[in-house]
């Protein structure tokens, strides 16, 4: 891998890991962004206590995703997993909690950019 390509991939991985770490640790595990718990609470079968636990579990998974990204292990599989997770998160939010979203269009555009960054980070 050429030095420039290596720097691009490394930078993409670090930026992407930062996004997953922020969303998982800050927003969900530490509960600093209650909108995540509110959206999870709108899913079928959720009550406030269960929504809190599920939101924290999702946060733990997101922190693990950040570690996977930084590790560089199976980067294409990692990018595919991120793509699938974001598609699932978006589908759930749009289906069950659209009125909780400030801007569904902005959510989709932001996550399209994050998905593109995930595939850039998988570049070999």
C-alpha atoms as a PDB file:
ATOM      1  CA  UNK A   1       0.000   0.000   0.000  1.00  0.00           C
ATOM      2  CA  UNK A   2       1.426   3.376  -0.988  1.00  0.00           C
ATOM      3  CA  UNK A   3       2.161   5.835   1.816  1.00  0.00           C
ATOM      4  CA  UNK A   4      -0.593   8.249   0.727  1.00  0.00           C
ATOM      5  CA  UNK A   5      -3.164   5.456   0.545  1.00  0.00           C
ATOM      6  CA  UNK A   6      -2.007   4.180   3.942  1.00  0.00           C
ATOM      7  CA  UNK A   7      -2.493   7.643   5.485  1.00  0.00           C
ATOM      8  CA  UNK A   8      -5.945   8.015   3.926  1.00  0.00           C
ATOM      9  CA  UNK A   9      -7.038   4.610   5.216  1.00  0.00           C
ATOM     10  CA  UNK A  10      -5.565   5.204   8.686  1.00  0.00           C
ATOM     11  CA  UNK A  11      -7.213   8.635   8.938  1.00  0.00           C
ATOM     12  CA  UNK A  12     -10.552   7.232   7.749  1.00  0.00           C
ATOM     13  CA  UNK A  13     -10.356   4.437  10.332  1.00  0.00           C
ATOM     14  CA  UNK A  14      -9.575   6.815  13.182  1.00  0.00           C
ATOM     15  CA  UNK A  15     -12.343   9.243  12.203  1.00  0.00           C
ATOM     16  CA  UNK A  16     -14.838   6.427  11.810  1.00  0.00           C
ATOM     17  CA  UNK A  17     -13.849   4.805  15.101  1.00  0.00           C
ATOM     18  CA  UNK A  18     -14.349   8.190  16.742  1.00  0.00           C
ATOM     19  CA  UNK A  19     -17.909   8.351  15.427  1.00  0.00           C
ATOM     20  CA  UNK A  20     -18.759   4.865  16.727  1.00  0.00           C
ATOM     21  CA  UNK A  21     -17.035   5.539  20.059  1.00  0.00           C
ATOM     22  CA  UNK A  22     -18.892   8.832  20.517  1.00  0.00           C
ATOM     23  CA  UNK A  23     -22.257   7.325  19.608  1.00  0.00           C
ATOM     24  CA  UNK A  24     -21.705   4.226  21.737  1.00  0.00           C
ATOM     25  CA  UNK A  25     -19.977   5.564  24.835  1.00  0.00           C
ATOM     26  CA  UNK A  26     -21.082   9.178  25.124  1.00  0.00           C
ATOM     27  CA  UNK A  27     -24.566   9.063  23.623  1.00  0.00           C
ATOM     28  CA  UNK A  28     -25.755   5.614  24.697  1.00  0.00           C
ATOM     29  CA  UNK A  29     -23.728   4.107  27.567  1.00  0.00           C
ATOM     30  CA  UNK A  30     -23.324   7.380  29.459  1.00  0.00           C
ATOM     31  CA  UNK A  31     -26.798   8.479  28.320  1.00  0.00           C
ATOM     32  CA  UNK A  32     -25.700  11.981  27.283  1.00  0.00           C
ATOM     33  CA  UNK A  33     -28.089  12.021  24.314  1.00  0.00           C
ATOM     34  CA  UNK A  34     -31.512  10.856  25.546  1.00  0.00           C
ATOM     35  CA  UNK A  35     -32.928  10.854  22.014  1.00  0.00           C
ATOM     36  CA  UNK A  36     -31.274   7.467  21.430  1.00  0.00           C
ATOM     37  CA  UNK A  37     -33.113   5.896  24.374  1.00  0.00           C
ATOM     38  CA  UNK A  38     -36.341   7.599  23.279  1.00  0.00           C
ATOM     39  CA  UNK A  39     -36.034   6.143  19.780  1.00  0.00           C
ATOM     40  CA  UNK A  40     -35.257   2.653  21.127  1.00  0.00           C
ATOM     41  CA  UNK A  41     -38.227   3.050  23.470  1.00  0.00           C
ATOM     42  CA  UNK A  42     -40.523   3.355  20.471  1.00  0.00           C
ATOM     43  CA  UNK A  43     -39.631  -0.112  19.180  1.00  0.00           C
ATOM     44  CA  UNK A  44     -42.281  -2.809  19.684  1.00  0.00           C
ATOM     45  CA  UNK A  45     -42.168  -4.459  23.105  1.00  0.00           C
ATOM     46  CA  UNK A  46     -40.157  -1.721  24.804  1.00  0.00           C
ATOM     47  CA  UNK A  47     -40.824  -0.099  28.139  1.00  0.00           C
ATOM     48  CA  UNK A  48     -38.581   2.618  29.644  1.00  0.00           C
ATOM     49  CA  UNK A  49     -36.427   0.210  31.674  1.00  0.00           C
ATOM     50  CA  UNK A  50     -35.946  -2.193  28.817  1.00  0.00           C
ATOM     51  CA  UNK A  51     -35.237   0.676  26.406  1.00  0.00           C
ATOM     52  CA  UNK A  52     -32.451   1.880  28.709  1.00  0.00           C
ATOM     53  CA  UNK A  53     -30.878  -1.589  28.866  1.00  0.00           C
ATOM     54  CA  UNK A  54     -31.162  -2.142  25.110  1.00  0.00           C
ATOM     55  CA  UNK A  55     -29.710   1.313  24.408  1.00  0.00           C
ATOM     56  CA  UNK A  56     -26.723   0.563  26.643  1.00  0.00           C
ATOM     57  CA  UNK A  57     -26.255  -2.831  24.942  1.00  0.00           C
ATOM     58  CA  UNK A  58     -26.275  -1.121  21.543  1.00  0.00           C
ATOM     59  CA  UNK A  59     -23.704   1.333  22.901  1.00  0.00           C
ATOM     60  CA  UNK A  60     -21.447  -1.525  24.009  1.00  0.00           C
ATOM     61  CA  UNK A  61     -21.714  -2.970  20.496  1.00  0.00           C
ATOM     62  CA  UNK A  62     -20.813   0.403  19.016  1.00  0.00           C
ATOM     63  CA  UNK A  63     -17.736   0.688  21.236  1.00  0.00           C
ATOM     64  CA  UNK A  64     -16.743  -2.812  20.099  1.00  0.00           C
ATOM     65  CA  UNK A  65     -17.243  -1.668  16.494  1.00  0.00           C
ATOM     66  CA  UNK A  66     -14.835   1.223  17.120  1.00  0.00           C
ATOM     67  CA  UNK A  67     -12.219  -1.244  18.380  1.00  0.00           C
ATOM     68  CA  UNK A  68     -12.758  -3.499  15.349  1.00  0.00           C
ATOM     69  CA  UNK A  69     -12.308  -0.551  12.993  1.00  0.00           C
ATOM     70  CA  UNK A  70      -9.055   0.537  14.644  1.00  0.00           C
ATOM     71  CA  UNK A  71      -7.746  -3.045  14.595  1.00  0.00           C
ATOM     72  CA  UNK A  72      -7.947  -3.199  10.799  1.00  0.00           C
ATOM     73  CA  UNK A  73      -9.039  -6.860  11.042  1.00  0.00           C
ATOM     74  CA  UNK A  74     -11.081  -7.965   8.010  1.00  0.00           C
ATOM     75  CA  UNK A  75     -11.823  -4.390   6.937  1.00  0.00           C
ATOM     76  CA  UNK A  76     -14.327  -5.286   4.204  1.00  0.00           C
ATOM     77  CA  UNK A  77     -16.316  -7.480   6.576  1.00  0.00           C
ATOM     78  CA  UNK A  78     -16.178  -4.620   9.079  1.00  0.00           C
ATOM     79  CA  UNK A  79     -17.468  -2.146   6.474  1.00  0.00           C
ATOM     80  CA  UNK A  80     -20.268  -4.542   5.521  1.00  0.00           C
ATOM     81  CA  UNK A  81     -21.226  -4.948   9.198  1.00  0.00           C
ATOM     82  CA  UNK A  82     -21.304  -1.172   9.665  1.00  0.00           C
ATOM     83  CA  UNK A  83     -23.435  -0.768   6.553  1.00  0.00           C
ATOM     84  CA  UNK A  84     -25.906  -3.405   7.767  1.00  0.00           C
ATOM     85  CA  UNK A  85     -26.083  -1.937  11.281  1.00  0.00           C
ATOM     86  CA  UNK A  86     -26.682   1.593  10.042  1.00  0.00           C
ATOM     87  CA  UNK A  87     -29.339   0.366   7.610  1.00  0.00           C
ATOM     88  CA  UNK A  88     -31.056  -1.437  10.484  1.00  0.00           C
ATOM     89  CA  UNK A  89     -30.784   1.547  12.821  1.00  0.00           C
ATOM     90  CA  UNK A  90     -32.163   3.863  10.132  1.00  0.00           C
ATOM     91  CA  UNK A  91     -35.010   1.498   9.258  1.00  0.00           C
ATOM     92  CA  UNK A  92     -36.018   1.160  12.908  1.00  0.00           C
ATOM     93  CA  UNK A  93     -35.902   4.887  13.559  1.00  0.00           C
ATOM     94  CA  UNK A  94     -37.774   5.779  10.382  1.00  0.00           C
ATOM     95  CA  UNK A  95     -40.413   3.082  10.909  1.00  0.00           C
ATOM     96  CA  UNK A  96     -41.110   3.400  14.622  1.00  0.00           C
ATOM     97  CA  UNK A  97     -39.870   6.836  15.686  1.00  0.00           C
ATOM     98  CA  UNK A  98     -39.929   9.157  12.690  1.00  0.00           C
ATOM     99  CA  UNK A  99     -41.506  11.915  14.782  1.00  0.00           C
ATOM    100  CA  UNK A 100     -38.549  11.713  17.229  1.00  0.00           C
ATOM    101  CA  UNK A 101     -36.104  12.549  14.428  1.00  0.00           C
ATOM    102  CA  UNK A 102     -35.193  16.195  13.978  1.00  0.00           C
ATOM    103  CA  UNK A 103     -34.566  15.644  10.274  1.00  0.00           C
ATOM    104  CA  UNK A 104     -34.923  12.203   8.663  1.00  0.00           C
ATOM    105  CA  UNK A 105     -33.234  13.506   5.515  1.00  0.00           C
ATOM    106  CA  UNK A 106     -30.223  14.748   7.482  1.00  0.00           C
ATOM    107  CA  UNK A 107     -30.029  11.401   9.304  1.00  0.00           C
ATOM    108  CA  UNK A 108     -29.901   9.525   6.013  1.00  0.00           C
ATOM    109  CA  UNK A 109     -27.380  11.898   4.444  1.00  0.00           C
ATOM    110  CA  UNK A 110     -25.108  11.788   7.490  1.00  0.00           C
ATOM    111  CA  UNK A 111     -25.235   8.008   7.599  1.00  0.00           C
ATOM    112  CA  UNK A 112     -24.574   7.788   3.855  1.00  0.00           C
ATOM    113  CA  UNK A 113     -21.388   9.771   4.487  1.00  0.00           C
ATOM    114  CA  UNK A 114     -20.422   7.505   7.379  1.00  0.00           C
ATOM    115  CA  UNK A 115     -21.052   4.461   5.181  1.00  0.00           C
ATOM    116  CA  UNK A 116     -18.823   5.922   2.461  1.00  0.00           C
ATOM    117  CA  UNK A 117     -16.133   6.525   5.083  1.00  0.00           C
ATOM    118  CA  UNK A 118     -16.477   2.900   6.252  1.00  0.00           C
ATOM    119  CA  UNK A 119     -15.799   1.646   2.737  1.00  0.00           C
ATOM    120  CA  UNK A 120     -12.903   4.087   2.342  1.00  0.00           C
ATOM    121  CA  UNK A 121     -11.450   2.689   5.574  1.00  0.00           C
ATOM    122  CA  UNK A 122     -11.712  -0.801   4.036  1.00  0.00           C
ATOM    123  CA  UNK A 123      -9.647   0.222   0.998  1.00  0.00           C
ATOM    124  CA  UNK A 124      -6.629  -1.977   0.347  1.00  0.00           C
END
